PDB file of N, CA and C in Angstrom:
ATOM      1  N   MET A   1      52.549  26.071  32.432  1.00  0.00           N
ATOM      2  CA  MET A   1      53.366  24.713  31.327  1.00  0.00           C
ATOM      3  C   MET A   1      52.743  23.210  31.901  1.00  0.00           C
ATOM      4  N   ASN A   2      52.665  21.972  30.407  1.00  0.00           N
ATOM      5  CA  ASN A   2      51.594  21.072  30.200  1.00  0.00           C
ATOM      6  C   ASN A   2      53.238  20.385  30.292  1.00  0.00           C
ATOM      7  N   GLU A   3      52.348  18.649  30.863  1.00  0.00           N
ATOM      8  CA  GLU A   3      52.751  18.131  31.415  1.00  0.00           C
ATOM      9  C   GLU A   3      54.333  17.118  30.250  1.00  0.00           C
ATOM     10  N   ASP A   4      54.070  17.238  28.881  1.00  0.00           N
ATOM     11  CA  ASP A   4      55.098  16.560  28.019  1.00  0.00           C
ATOM     12  C   ASP A   4      55.590  18.061  28.724  1.00  0.00           C
ATOM     13  N   GLU A   5      55.968  18.907  28.424  1.00  0.00           N
ATOM     14  CA  GLU A   5      57.247  19.957  28.471  1.00  0.00           C
ATOM     15  C   GLU A   5      57.877  19.259  30.285  1.00  0.00           C
ATOM     16  N   HIS A   6      56.714  19.672  31.071  1.00  0.00           N
ATOM     17  CA  HIS A   6      58.010  18.869  32.480  1.00  0.00           C
ATOM     18  C   HIS A   6      58.710  17.923  32.151  1.00  0.00           C
ATOM     19  N   VAL A   7      57.992  16.867  31.509  1.00  0.00           N
ATOM     20  CA  VAL A   7      58.905  16.261  31.663  1.00  0.00           C
ATOM     21  C   VAL A   7      60.171  15.988  30.675  1.00  0.00           C
ATOM     22  N   LEU A   8      59.674  16.833  29.493  1.00  0.00           N
ATOM     23  CA  LEU A   8      61.711  17.379  29.395  1.00  0.00           C
ATOM     24  C   LEU A   8      62.465  18.614  30.194  1.00  0.00           C
ATOM     25  N   LEU A   9      61.643  19.198  30.657  1.00  0.00           N
ATOM     26  CA  LEU A   9      62.461  19.511  31.109  1.00  0.00           C
ATOM     27  C   LEU A   9      63.620  19.032  32.867  1.00  0.00           C
ATOM     28  N   GLU A  10      62.738  17.927  33.281  1.00  0.00           N
ATOM     29  CA  GLU A  10      63.618  16.156  33.912  1.00  0.00           C
ATOM     30  C   GLU A  10      64.465  15.417  33.007  1.00  0.00           C
ATOM     31  N   ASN A  11      64.306  15.035  31.900  1.00  0.00           N
ATOM     32  CA  ASN A  11      64.763  14.502  30.390  1.00  0.00           C
ATOM     33  C   ASN A  11      66.559  16.051  30.860  1.00  0.00           C
ATOM     34  N   ILE A  12      65.628  16.662  30.747  1.00  0.00           N
ATOM     35  CA  ILE A  12      67.003  18.012  29.970  1.00  0.00           C
ATOM     36  C   ILE A  12      67.692  18.377  31.238  1.00  0.00           C
ATOM     37  N   GLN A  13      67.279  17.493  32.427  1.00  0.00           N
ATOM     38  CA  GLN A  13      68.696  17.530  33.953  1.00  0.00           C
ATOM     39  C   GLN A  13      69.271  16.986  33.754  1.00  0.00           C
ATOM     40  N   GLU A  14      68.234  15.367  33.738  1.00  0.00           N
ATOM     41  CA  GLU A  14      69.114  13.713  33.473  1.00  0.00           C
ATOM     42  C   GLU A  14      70.063  14.508  32.307  1.00  0.00           C
ATOM     43  N   VAL A  15      69.798  14.334  31.595  1.00  0.00           N
ATOM     44  CA  VAL A  15      70.975  14.664  30.088  1.00  0.00           C
ATOM     45  C   VAL A  15      72.494  15.972  31.137  1.00  0.00           C
ATOM     46  N   ILE A  16      71.387  16.488  30.954  1.00  0.00           N
ATOM     47  CA  ILE A  16      73.777  17.551  30.969  1.00  0.00           C
ATOM     48  C   ILE A  16      73.630  16.928  32.648  1.00  0.00           C
ATOM     49  N   GLY A  17      73.398  16.057  33.592  1.00  0.00           N
ATOM     50  CA  GLY A  17      73.949  15.464  34.294  1.00  0.00           C
ATOM     51  C   GLY A  17      74.283  14.777  33.852  1.00  0.00           C
ATOM     52  N   GLU A  18      74.677  14.092  33.360  1.00  0.00           N
ATOM     53  CA  GLU A  18      75.414  13.187  32.936  1.00  0.00           C
ATOM     54  C   GLU A  18      76.692  12.996  31.985  1.00  0.00           C
ATOM     55  N   ALA A  19      76.574  14.263  31.301  1.00  0.00           N
ATOM     56  CA  ALA A  19      77.029  15.178  30.278  1.00  0.00           C
ATOM     57  C   ALA A  19      78.673  15.780  31.522  1.00  0.00           C
ATOM     58  N   ALA A  20      77.894  16.303  32.030  1.00  0.00           N
ATOM     59  CA  ALA A  20      78.727  16.788  33.089  1.00  0.00           C
ATOM     60  C   ALA A  20      79.345  15.314  33.801  1.00  0.00           C
ATOM     61  N   THR A  21      78.791  14.772  34.360  1.00  0.00           N
ATOM     62  CA  THR A  21      80.151  12.894  35.315  1.00  0.00           C
ATOM     63  C   THR A  21      80.682  13.441  33.922  1.00  0.00           C
ATOM     64  N   TRP A  22      80.295  12.828  32.716  1.00  0.00           N
ATOM     65  CA  TRP A  22      80.998  12.185  31.662  1.00  0.00           C
ATOM     66  C   TRP A  22      82.751  12.967  31.908  1.00  0.00           C
ATOM     67  N   LEU A  23      82.033  14.629  31.867  1.00  0.00           N
ATOM     68  CA  LEU A  23      83.284  15.797  31.713  1.00  0.00           C
ATOM     69  C   LEU A  23      84.119  15.147  33.555  1.00  0.00           C
ATOM     70  N   MET A  24      83.606  14.770  34.345  1.00  0.00           N
ATOM     71  CA  MET A  24      84.408  14.664  35.461  1.00  0.00           C
ATOM     72  C   MET A  24      85.442  13.795  35.152  1.00  0.00           C
ATOM     73  N   ASN A  25      84.572  12.686  35.260  1.00  0.00           N
ATOM     74  CA  ASN A  25      85.184  11.816  34.324  1.00  0.00           C
ATOM     75  C   ASN A  25      86.734  11.693  33.934  1.00  0.00           C
ATOM     76  N   SER A  26      86.429  11.742  33.091  1.00  0.00           N
ATOM     77  CA  SER A  26      87.444  12.109  32.148  1.00  0.00           C
ATOM     78  C   SER A  26      88.817  13.600  32.356  1.00  0.00           C
ATOM     79  N   ARG A  27      88.282  14.444  33.449  1.00  0.00           N
ATOM     80  CA  ARG A  27      89.019  15.892  33.723  1.00  0.00           C
ATOM     81  C   ARG A  27      88.951  15.877  33.237  1.00  0.00           C
ATOM     82  N   LEU A  28      88.149  16.701  32.668  1.00  0.00           N
ATOM     83  CA  LEU A  28      87.490  17.938  31.680  1.00  0.00           C
ATOM     84  C   LEU A  28      86.392  18.965  32.823  1.00  0.00           C
ATOM     85  N   PRO A  29      87.398  20.673  31.812  1.00  0.00           N
ATOM     86  CA  PRO A  29      86.309  21.059  33.035  1.00  0.00           C
ATOM     87  C   PRO A  29      85.456  21.631  32.983  1.00  0.00           C
ATOM     88  N   VAL A  30      83.934  21.487  33.567  1.00  0.00           N
ATOM     89  CA  VAL A  30      82.366  21.751  33.775  1.00  0.00           C
ATOM     90  C   VAL A  30      81.707  22.903  33.860  1.00  0.00           C
ATOM     91  N   ASN A  31      81.829  23.202  31.983  1.00  0.00           N
ATOM     92  CA  ASN A  31      80.636  24.282  31.953  1.00  0.00           C
ATOM     93  C   ASN A  31      79.904  24.714  30.523  1.00  0.00           C
ATOM     94  N   ALA A  32      79.750  25.399  30.537  1.00  0.00           N
ATOM     95  CA  ALA A  32      79.084  25.173  29.177  1.00  0.00           C
ATOM     96  C   ALA A  32      78.747  25.063  27.683  1.00  0.00           C
ATOM     97  N   ASP A  33      80.346  25.336  27.906  1.00  0.00           N
ATOM     98  CA  ASP A  33      81.454  25.053  26.602  1.00  0.00           C
ATOM     99  C   ASP A  33      81.288  23.653  26.213  1.00  0.00           C
ATOM    100  N   ASN A  34      82.265  23.010  27.404  1.00  0.00           N
ATOM    101  CA  ASN A  34      82.168  21.632  27.295  1.00  0.00           C
ATOM    102  C   ASN A  34      80.814  20.712  26.950  1.00  0.00           C
ATOM    103  N   LEU A  35      79.705  21.343  28.159  1.00  0.00           N
ATOM    104  CA  LEU A  35      78.603  20.159  28.142  1.00  0.00           C
ATOM    105  C   LEU A  35      77.709  20.257  26.953  1.00  0.00           C
ATOM    106  N   MET A  36      78.351  21.702  25.970  1.00  0.00           N
ATOM    107  CA  MET A  36      77.668  21.827  24.612  1.00  0.00           C
ATOM    108  C   MET A  36      78.565  20.773  23.550  1.00  0.00           C
ATOM    109  N   MET A  37      79.666  19.861  23.972  1.00  0.00           N
ATOM    110  CA  MET A  37      80.557  19.660  23.272  1.00  0.00           C
ATOM    111  C   MET A  37      80.292  17.984  23.490  1.00  0.00           C
ATOM    112  N   VAL A  38      79.776  17.924  24.536  1.00  0.00           N
ATOM    113  CA  VAL A  38      79.163  16.667  24.993  1.00  0.00           C
ATOM    114  C   VAL A  38      78.349  16.456  23.992  1.00  0.00           C
ATOM    115  N   LEU A  39      77.078  17.633  24.331  1.00  0.00           N
ATOM    116  CA  LEU A  39      76.113  16.582  23.809  1.00  0.00           C
ATOM    117  C   LEU A  39      76.372  17.357  22.438  1.00  0.00           C
ATOM    118  N   ARG A  40      76.820  17.501  21.905  1.00  0.00           N
ATOM    119  CA  ARG A  40      76.501  17.782  20.362  1.00  0.00           C
ATOM    120  C   ARG A  40      76.889  15.623  20.097  1.00  0.00           C
ATOM    121  N   ALA A  41      78.438  15.839  20.280  1.00  0.00           N
ATOM    122  CA  ALA A  41      78.980  14.360  20.325  1.00  0.00           C
ATOM    123  C   ALA A  41      78.093  12.975  20.226  1.00  0.00           C
ATOM    124  N   ARG A  42      77.092  13.672  21.423  1.00  0.00           N
ATOM    125  CA  ARG A  42      76.302  12.459  21.734  1.00  0.00           C
ATOM    126  C   ARG A  42      74.939  12.585  20.854  1.00  0.00           C
ATOM    127  N   SER A  43      74.618  13.667  20.127  1.00  0.00           N
ATOM    128  CA  SER A  43      73.797  13.821  19.036  1.00  0.00           C
ATOM    129  C   SER A  43      73.661  13.098  17.780  1.00  0.00           C
ATOM    130  N   VAL A  44      74.990  13.397  17.391  1.00  0.00           N
ATOM    131  CA  VAL A  44      75.353  12.775  16.145  1.00  0.00           C
ATOM    132  C   VAL A  44      75.508  11.393  16.042  1.00  0.00           C
ATOM    133  N   MET A  45      76.385  10.683  17.591  1.00  0.00           N
ATOM    134  CA  MET A  45      75.240   9.342  17.565  1.00  0.00           C
ATOM    135  C   MET A  45      74.299   8.217  17.736  1.00  0.00           C
ATOM    136  N   VAL A  46      73.034   9.518  18.746  1.00  0.00           N
ATOM    137  CA  VAL A  46      72.221   8.920  19.189  1.00  0.00           C
ATOM    138  C   VAL A  46      71.110   8.630  17.653  1.00  0.00           C
ATOM    139  N   LYS A  47      70.411   8.194  17.317  1.00  0.00           N
ATOM    140  CA  LYS A  47      69.323   6.738  16.406  1.00  0.00           C
ATOM    141  C   LYS A  47      68.329   7.544  16.589  1.00  0.00           C
ATOM    142  N   GLU A  48      67.157   6.834  17.957  1.00  0.00           N
ATOM    143  CA  GLU A  48      65.927   8.171  18.325  1.00  0.00           C
ATOM    144  C   GLU A  48      65.610   9.029  18.155  1.00  0.00           C
ATOM    145  N   LYS A  49      64.966   9.498  17.723  1.00  0.00           N
ATOM    146  CA  LYS A  49      64.451  10.695  17.502  1.00  0.00           C
ATOM    147  C   LYS A  49      64.073  11.428  18.980  1.00  0.00           C
ATOM    148  N   GLN A  50      63.398  11.052  18.942  1.00  0.00           N
ATOM    149  CA  GLN A  50      62.829  11.597  20.390  1.00  0.00           C
ATOM    150  C   GLN A  50      64.095  11.725  21.514  1.00  0.00           C
ATOM    151  N   GLN A  51      65.790  11.076  22.012  1.00  0.00           N
ATOM    152  CA  GLN A  51      66.878  11.303  22.242  1.00  0.00           C
ATOM    153  C   GLN A  51      66.745  12.323  21.976  1.00  0.00           C
ATOM    154  N   LEU A  52      67.956  12.418  20.364  1.00  0.00           N
ATOM    155  CA  LEU A  52      67.167  13.468  19.610  1.00  0.00           C
ATOM    156  C   LEU A  52      67.092  14.921  19.104  1.00  0.00           C
ATOM    157  N   HIS A  53      65.494  14.878  19.907  1.00  0.00           N
ATOM    158  CA  HIS A  53      65.688  16.109  20.677  1.00  0.00           C
ATOM    159  C   HIS A  53      66.095  16.894  22.093  1.00  0.00           C
ATOM    160  N   ILE A  54      65.502  15.909  22.783  1.00  0.00           N
ATOM    161  CA  ILE A  54      65.996  16.142  24.124  1.00  0.00           C
ATOM    162  C   ILE A  54      67.370  16.560  24.125  1.00  0.00           C
ATOM    163  N   LEU A  55      68.429  16.019  22.848  1.00  0.00           N
ATOM    164  CA  LEU A  55      69.607  16.232  23.355  1.00  0.00           C
ATOM    165  C   LEU A  55      69.748  17.823  22.978  1.00  0.00           C
ATOM    166  N   GLU A  56      69.191  18.397  22.293  1.00  0.00           N
ATOM    167  CA  GLU A  56      68.682  19.252  21.043  1.00  0.00           C
ATOM    168  C   GLU A  56      68.221  20.286  22.169  1.00  0.00           C
ATOM    169  N   SER A  57      67.455  19.734  22.853  1.00  0.00           N
ATOM    170  CA  SER A  57      66.955  20.579  23.738  1.00  0.00           C
ATOM    171  C   SER A  57      67.983  20.793  24.855  1.00  0.00           C
ATOM    172  N   CYS A  58      68.804  20.046  25.323  1.00  0.00           N
ATOM    173  CA  CYS A  58      69.601  21.070  25.638  1.00  0.00           C
ATOM    174  C   CYS A  58      70.630  21.717  25.765  1.00  0.00           C
ATOM    175  N   ILE A  59      71.385  21.811  24.491  1.00  0.00           N
ATOM    176  CA  ILE A  59      72.390  22.312  23.690  1.00  0.00           C
ATOM    177  C   ILE A  59      71.772  24.340  23.274  1.00  0.00           C
ATOM    178  N   ARG A  60      70.522  24.009  23.030  1.00  0.00           N
ATOM    179  CA  ARG A  60      69.563  25.517  23.595  1.00  0.00           C
ATOM    180  C   ARG A  60      69.371  25.491  24.658  1.00  0.00           C
ATOM    181  N   TYR A  61      68.996  25.137  25.256  1.00  0.00           N
ATOM    182  CA  TYR A  61      68.795  25.491  26.156  1.00  0.00           C
ATOM    183  C   TYR A  61      70.402  25.810  27.682  1.00  0.00           C
ATOM    184  N   LEU A  62      71.666  25.244  27.469  1.00  0.00           N
ATOM    185  CA  LEU A  62      73.158  25.950  27.586  1.00  0.00           C
ATOM    186  C   LEU A  62      73.197  26.800  26.774  1.00  0.00           C
ATOM    187  N   ARG A  63      72.521  27.727  25.155  1.00  0.00           N
ATOM    188  CA  ARG A  63      73.676  28.221  24.790  1.00  0.00           C
ATOM    189  C   ARG A  63      72.154  29.963  25.017  1.00  0.00           C
ATOM    190  N   ALA A  64      70.874  29.518  25.607  1.00  0.00           N
ATOM    191  CA  ALA A  64      70.029  30.646  26.563  1.00  0.00           C
ATOM    192  C   ALA A  64      70.298  30.803  27.919  1.00  0.00           C
ATOM    193  N   ARG A  65      71.454  30.168  28.889  1.00  0.00           N
ATOM    194  CA  ARG A  65      72.384  30.043  29.816  1.00  0.00           C
ATOM    195  C   ARG A  65      73.439  31.265  29.324  1.00  0.00           C
ATOM    196  N   LEU A  66      74.435  31.014  28.180  1.00  0.00           N
ATOM    197  CA  LEU A  66      75.182  31.839  28.590  1.00  0.00           C
ATOM    198  C   LEU A  66      74.712  33.049  28.075  1.00  0.00           C
ATOM    199  N   VAL A  67      73.666  32.929  27.100  1.00  0.00           N
ATOM    200  CA  VAL A  67      73.340  34.543  26.545  1.00  0.00           C
ATOM    201  C   VAL A  67      72.708  35.640  27.771  1.00  0.00           C
ATOM    202  N   LYS A  68      72.113  34.819  28.585  1.00  0.00           N
ATOM    203  CA  LYS A  68      71.322  35.415  29.527  1.00  0.00           C
ATOM    204  C   LYS A  68      71.658  34.436  30.675  1.00  0.00           C
ATOM    205  N   PRO A  69      72.247  34.982  31.478  1.00  0.00           N
ATOM    206  CA  PRO A  69      73.558  34.187  33.068  1.00  0.00           C
ATOM    207  C   PRO A  69      71.769  34.398  34.023  1.00  0.00           C
ATOM    208  N   LEU A  70      71.963  33.331  34.949  1.00  0.00           N
ATOM    209  CA  LEU A  70      70.921  33.600  36.077  1.00  0.00           C
ATOM    210  C   LEU A  70      71.019  33.953  37.029  1.00  0.00           C
TER     211      LEU A  70
END
């Protein structure tokens, strides 16, 4: 794994954590579907290409986990 991928994984974890915090503050269940909903909403609002790439990576990561659970 190269350094860029490692940073990306850290960013993915951070963004998913922020989405989970938002869901908890909104008193909504924290599950993969709701996390993807929050991430999609954020991706519509973001303007930086790097941030958009991170959000899209988070959504792909969660989709992969739905298909193939840990």
